[in-house]
C-alpha atoms as a PDB file:
ATOM      1  CA  ASN A   1      66.001-103.291 -39.667  1.00  0.00           C
ATOM      2  CA  ILE A   2      63.333-100.772 -39.258  1.00  0.00           C
ATOM      3  CA  ASP A   3      62.990-101.177 -35.670  1.00  0.00           C
ATOM      4  CA  ASN A   4      66.408 -99.161 -35.363  1.00  0.00           C
ATOM      5  CA  LEU A   5      65.203 -96.294 -37.486  1.00  0.00           C
ATOM      6  CA  PRO A   6      64.612 -93.023 -35.774  1.00  0.00           C
ATOM      7  CA  GLN A   7      61.047 -92.397 -34.807  1.00  0.00           C
ATOM      8  CA  LYS A   8      59.557 -89.763 -37.476  1.00  0.00           C
ATOM      9  CA  CYS A   9      56.046 -90.027 -36.725  1.00  0.00           C
ATOM     10  CA  THR A  10      53.922 -89.694 -33.658  1.00  0.00           C
ATOM     11  CA  VAL A  11      50.028 -91.064 -33.769  1.00  0.00           C
ATOM     12  CA  TYR A  12      47.744 -89.009 -31.676  1.00  0.00           C
ATOM     13  CA  GLN A  13      44.520 -90.740 -30.888  1.00  0.00           C
ATOM     14  CA  CYS A  14      41.937 -88.005 -30.960  1.00  0.00           C
ATOM     15  CA  ALA A  15      38.545 -89.205 -30.668  1.00  0.00           C
ATOM     16  CA  SER A  16      36.449 -91.743 -32.409  1.00  0.00           C
ATOM     17  CA  ARG A  17      34.565 -89.143 -34.390  1.00  0.00           C
ATOM     18  CA  PRO A  18      36.708 -87.475 -37.536  1.00  0.00           C
ATOM     19  CA  VAL A  19      39.120 -84.324 -37.514  1.00  0.00           C
ATOM     20  CA  ARG A  20      37.637 -81.596 -39.570  1.00  0.00           C
ATOM     21  CA  SER A  21      40.845 -79.233 -39.428  1.00  0.00           C
ATOM     22  CA  ALA A  22      44.356 -79.135 -37.416  1.00  0.00           C
ATOM     23  CA  SER A  23      46.519 -76.021 -37.139  1.00  0.00           C
ATOM     24  CA  PHE A  24      50.212 -75.441 -35.758  1.00  0.00           C
ATOM     25  CA  SER A  25      51.147 -73.228 -33.379  1.00  0.00           C
ATOM     26  CA  PRO A  26      54.298 -70.916 -34.705  1.00  0.00           C
ATOM     27  CA  GLY A  27      57.396 -73.128 -33.699  1.00  0.00           C
ATOM     28  CA  GLY A  28      55.449 -76.237 -33.787  1.00  0.00           C
ATOM     29  CA  THR A  29      55.340 -76.642 -29.736  1.00  0.00           C
ATOM     30  CA  LYS A  30      51.560 -77.422 -30.017  1.00  0.00           C
ATOM     31  CA  PHE A  31      48.780 -77.704 -32.495  1.00  0.00           C
ATOM     32  CA  VAL A  32      44.980 -77.434 -31.978  1.00  0.00           C
ATOM     33  CA  THR A  33      42.219 -79.817 -33.595  1.00  0.00           C
ATOM     34  CA  GLY A  34      38.378 -79.496 -34.322  1.00  0.00           C
ATOM     35  CA  GLY A  35      36.133 -82.007 -35.159  1.00  0.00           C
ATOM     36  CA  ILE A  36      32.674 -83.422 -35.889  1.00  0.00           C
ATOM     37  CA  ASP A  37      32.119 -83.741 -32.316  1.00  0.00           C
ATOM     38  CA  GLY A  38      32.245 -80.204 -31.574  1.00  0.00           C
ATOM     39  CA  CYS A  39      34.912 -80.438 -29.365  1.00  0.00           C
ATOM     40  CA  VAL A  40      38.363 -78.538 -29.679  1.00  0.00           C
ATOM     41  CA  ARG A  41      41.525 -80.256 -28.739  1.00  0.00           C
ATOM     42  CA  VAL A  42      45.045 -78.718 -27.982  1.00  0.00           C
ATOM     43  CA  TRP A  43      47.926 -80.919 -28.289  1.00  0.00           C
ATOM     44  CA  ASN A  44      51.637 -80.702 -26.962  1.00  0.00           C
ATOM     45  CA  THR A  45      54.114 -81.898 -29.663  1.00  0.00           C
ATOM     46  CA  ASN A  46      57.037 -82.431 -27.168  1.00  0.00           C
ATOM     47  CA  PRO A  47      56.232 -84.552 -24.872  1.00  0.00           C
ATOM     48  CA  PRO A  48      53.615 -85.743 -27.306  1.00  0.00           C
ATOM     49  CA  GLY A  49      50.075 -85.677 -25.402  1.00  0.00           C
ATOM     50  CA  LEU A  50      46.847 -83.993 -25.039  1.00  0.00           C
ATOM     51  CA  TYR A  51      46.948 -80.417 -23.216  1.00  0.00           C
ATOM     52  CA  GLN A  52      43.253 -79.555 -22.911  1.00  0.00           C
ATOM     53  CA  ILE A  53      39.790 -80.453 -24.544  1.00  0.00           C
ATOM     54  CA  ILE A  54      37.532 -77.337 -25.164  1.00  0.00           C
ATOM     55  CA  SER A  55      33.863 -78.909 -25.046  1.00  0.00           C
ATOM     56  CA  GLY A  56      30.211 -77.729 -25.415  1.00  0.00           C
ATOM     57  CA  LEU A  57      30.680 -75.927 -28.926  1.00  0.00           C
ATOM     58  CA  SER A  58      27.296 -76.679 -30.441  1.00  0.00           C
ATOM     59  CA  GLY A  59      28.572 -77.622 -33.778  1.00  0.00           C
ATOM     60  CA  VAL A  60      31.037 -79.327 -35.842  1.00  0.00           C
ATOM     61  CA  VAL A  61      34.129 -77.191 -35.956  1.00  0.00           C
ATOM     62  CA  GLY A  62      35.247 -76.934 -39.406  1.00  0.00           C
ATOM     63  CA  THR A  63      38.209 -74.558 -39.036  1.00  0.00           C
ATOM     64  CA  VAL A  64      40.726 -74.093 -36.239  1.00  0.00           C
ATOM     65  CA  SER A  65      43.971 -71.733 -37.209  1.00  0.00           C
ATOM     66  CA  TRP A  66      46.683 -70.338 -34.972  1.00  0.00           C
ATOM     67  CA  SER A  67      47.593 -66.765 -35.056  1.00  0.00           C
ATOM     68  CA  HIS A  68      50.945 -66.045 -36.339  1.00  0.00           C
ATOM     69  CA  GLN A  69      52.003 -64.588 -32.791  1.00  0.00           C
ATOM     70  CA  GLY A  70      50.924 -68.029 -31.216  1.00  0.00           C
ATOM     71  CA  THR A  71      49.160 -66.361 -28.454  1.00  0.00           C
ATOM     72  CA  ARG A  72      45.482 -67.064 -30.063  1.00  0.00           C
ATOM     73  CA  PHE A  73      43.551 -69.271 -32.254  1.00  0.00           C
ATOM     74  CA  LEU A  74      40.425 -69.103 -33.473  1.00  0.00           C
ATOM     75  CA  THR A  75      37.509 -71.681 -34.416  1.00  0.00           C
ATOM     76  CA  ALA A  76      34.631 -71.452 -36.704  1.00  0.00           C
ATOM     77  CA  SER A  77      31.728 -74.053 -36.499  1.00  0.00           C
ATOM     78  CA  TYR A  78      29.274 -75.147 -38.566  1.00  0.00           C
ATOM     79  CA  ASP A  79      26.375 -73.552 -36.406  1.00  0.00           C
ATOM     80  CA  GLY A  80      27.533 -70.130 -37.556  1.00  0.00           C
ATOM     81  CA  ILE A  81      30.132 -69.312 -34.750  1.00  0.00           C
ATOM     82  CA  VAL A  82      33.410 -67.875 -34.867  1.00  0.00           C
ATOM     83  CA  SER A  83      35.305 -67.907 -31.580  1.00  0.00           C
ATOM     84  CA  VAL A  84      38.865 -66.472 -30.605  1.00  0.00           C
ATOM     85  CA  TRP A  85      40.631 -68.161 -27.814  1.00  0.00           C
ATOM     86  CA  ASP A  86      43.511 -66.765 -25.735  1.00  0.00           C
ATOM     87  CA  TRP A  87      45.886 -68.382 -23.307  1.00  0.00           C
ATOM     88  CA  GLN A  88      45.343 -67.466 -19.647  1.00  0.00           C
ATOM     89  CA  GLN A  89      48.505 -67.502 -17.839  1.00  0.00           C
ATOM     90  CA  SER A  90      46.525 -67.483 -14.444  1.00  0.00           C
ATOM     91  CA  THR A  91      44.550 -70.497 -15.087  1.00  0.00           C
ATOM     92  CA  THR A  92      47.360 -72.002 -17.403  1.00  0.00           C
ATOM     93  CA  ARG A  93      44.072 -72.673 -19.828  1.00  0.00           C
ATOM     94  CA  TRP A  94      42.675 -71.546 -23.273  1.00  0.00           C
ATOM     95  CA  GLU A  95      39.647 -69.588 -22.869  1.00  0.00           C
ATOM     96  CA  CYS A  96      37.153 -67.881 -25.052  1.00  0.00           C
ATOM     97  CA  ILE A  97      37.439 -64.166 -25.428  1.00  0.00           C
ATOM     98  CA  TYR A  98      34.719 -63.672 -27.935  1.00  0.00           C
ATOM     99  CA  GLN A  99      32.136 -65.218 -30.228  1.00  0.00           C
ATOM    100  CA  HIS A 100      30.225 -64.255 -33.195  1.00  0.00           C
ATOM    101  CA  ASN A 101      26.940 -65.961 -33.723  1.00  0.00           C
ATOM    102  CA  LEU A 102      25.645 -64.997 -37.439  1.00  0.00           C
ATOM    103  CA  THR A 103      22.863 -67.529 -36.857  1.00  0.00           C
ATOM    104  CA  GLN A 104      20.763 -65.783 -34.176  1.00  0.00           C
ATOM    105  CA  ASN A 105      20.707 -62.482 -36.329  1.00  0.00           C
ATOM    106  CA  ALA A 106      20.022 -64.450 -39.877  1.00  0.00           C
ATOM    107  CA  PRO A 107      16.751 -63.542 -41.985  1.00  0.00           C
ATOM    108  CA  GLY A 108      14.036 -65.914 -41.610  1.00  0.00           C
ATOM    109  CA  GLY A 109      16.278 -67.985 -39.305  1.00  0.00           C
ATOM    110  CA  GLN A 110      18.525 -69.227 -42.026  1.00  0.00           C
ATOM    111  CA  ASN A 111      20.936 -71.625 -40.944  1.00  0.00           C
ATOM    112  CA  ILE A 112      24.441 -69.905 -41.725  1.00  0.00           C
ATOM    113  CA  HIS A 113      27.345 -72.181 -41.519  1.00  0.00           C
ATOM    114  CA  CYS A 114      30.945 -70.628 -41.131  1.00  0.00           C
ATOM    115  CA  THR A 115      33.074 -72.692 -43.749  1.00  0.00           C
ATOM    116  CA  MET A 116      36.417 -70.999 -42.793  1.00  0.00           C
ATOM    117  CA  ALA A 117      38.347 -68.406 -41.317  1.00  0.00           C
ATOM    118  CA  ILE A 118      41.671 -67.265 -41.183  1.00  0.00           C
ATOM    119  CA  TRP A 119      44.127 -64.814 -39.490  1.00  0.00           C
ATOM    120  CA  SER A 120      45.768 -61.617 -41.802  1.00  0.00           C
ATOM    121  CA  LEU A 121      49.574 -61.896 -41.821  1.00  0.00           C
ATOM    122  CA  ASN A 122      49.953 -59.399 -38.719  1.00  0.00           C
ATOM    123  CA  ASP A 123      47.276 -60.838 -36.892  1.00  0.00           C
ATOM    124  CA  VAL A 124      44.972 -57.784 -36.885  1.00  0.00           C
ATOM    125  CA  TYR A 125      41.899 -59.003 -38.790  1.00  0.00           C
ATOM    126  CA  ILE A 126      40.280 -62.304 -39.002  1.00  0.00           C
ATOM    127  CA  ILE A 127      38.499 -62.959 -42.547  1.00  0.00           C
ATOM    128  CA  SER A 128      35.704 -65.395 -42.368  1.00  0.00           C
ATOM    129  CA  ALA A 129      33.621 -67.112 -45.122  1.00  0.00           C
ATOM    130  CA  PHE A 130      29.929 -68.289 -45.023  1.00  0.00           C
ATOM    131  CA  THR A 131      27.293 -70.441 -46.733  1.00  0.00           C
ATOM    132  CA  ASP A 132      25.208 -67.134 -47.278  1.00  0.00           C
ATOM    133  CA  SER A 133      27.729 -66.113 -49.765  1.00  0.00           C
ATOM    134  CA  LYS A 134      29.517 -63.345 -47.579  1.00  0.00           C
ATOM    135  CA  ILE A 135      33.250 -62.862 -46.468  1.00  0.00           C
ATOM    136  CA  ARG A 136      33.493 -61.106 -43.198  1.00  0.00           C
ATOM    137  CA  VAL A 137      36.187 -59.288 -41.858  1.00  0.00           C
ATOM    138  CA  TRP A 138      36.655 -58.806 -38.008  1.00  0.00           C
ATOM    139  CA  GLU A 139      39.299 -56.769 -35.529  1.00  0.00           C
ATOM    140  CA  SER A 140      41.016 -59.743 -33.826  1.00  0.00           C
ATOM    141  CA  ILE A 141      41.252 -58.301 -30.307  1.00  0.00           C
ATOM    142  CA  SER A 142      37.602 -56.717 -30.270  1.00  0.00           C
ATOM    143  CA  GLY A 143      35.731 -58.675 -32.574  1.00  0.00           C
ATOM    144  CA  LYS A 144      34.479 -55.654 -34.264  1.00  0.00           C
ATOM    145  CA  LEU A 145      33.099 -56.450 -37.749  1.00  0.00           C
ATOM    146  CA  ILE A 146      34.769 -54.309 -40.288  1.00  0.00           C
ATOM    147  CA  HIS A 147      33.567 -55.443 -43.574  1.00  0.00           C
ATOM    148  CA  THR A 148      31.036 -57.553 -45.355  1.00  0.00           C
ATOM    149  CA  TRP A 149      31.459 -58.588 -48.868  1.00  0.00           C
ATOM    150  CA  ASP A 150      28.468 -59.693 -50.471  1.00  0.00           C
ATOM    151  CA  ILE A 151      30.313 -60.271 -54.202  1.00  0.00           C
ATOM    152  CA  HIS A 152      29.565 -64.284 -54.772  1.00  0.00           C
ATOM    153  CA  ASN A 153      26.438 -65.882 -55.693  1.00  0.00           C
ATOM    154  CA  LYS A 154      27.052 -69.229 -53.871  1.00  0.00           C
ATOM    155  CA  GLU A 155      28.605 -70.300 -50.807  1.00  0.00           C
ATOM    156  CA  ILE A 156      32.292 -69.748 -49.860  1.00  0.00           C
ATOM    157  CA  TYR A 157      34.392 -72.704 -49.077  1.00  0.00           C
ATOM    158  CA  VAL A 158      38.008 -71.744 -49.347  1.00  0.00           C
ATOM    159  CA  LEU A 159      39.965 -68.559 -48.540  1.00  0.00           C
END
């Protein structure tokens, strides 16, 4: 009888809009989702449920990625903004510690989308890809831009 089998799947109702990206925390106790509604959701896995909704992002959240140490996660939006979120013990909330908005400095008002961003293995750097054909590397603590590679002639979508 199928009703007597152990539960292997939990369905999380996110929103009426599609999710574009999801990432588990190390150990799998939480995961984060980003979608076309411009919201980021942090979920608990045990017990299952929504922990926090981060709203007010101005574009589609195309990438979310949990740091390997599990203390931070990043979001990358189609509006050109890469944000790093840190756990604040005092408020028990995830809060943005910095953002990079590349669209505001784009030549000719060019609309630059961040298509993907990932952490280095030691969480010291963030590597990001953009529709302006550039790969950018940032320090993950300070947010300082370390290097820009301009070696592609088309948009970059996967790192």
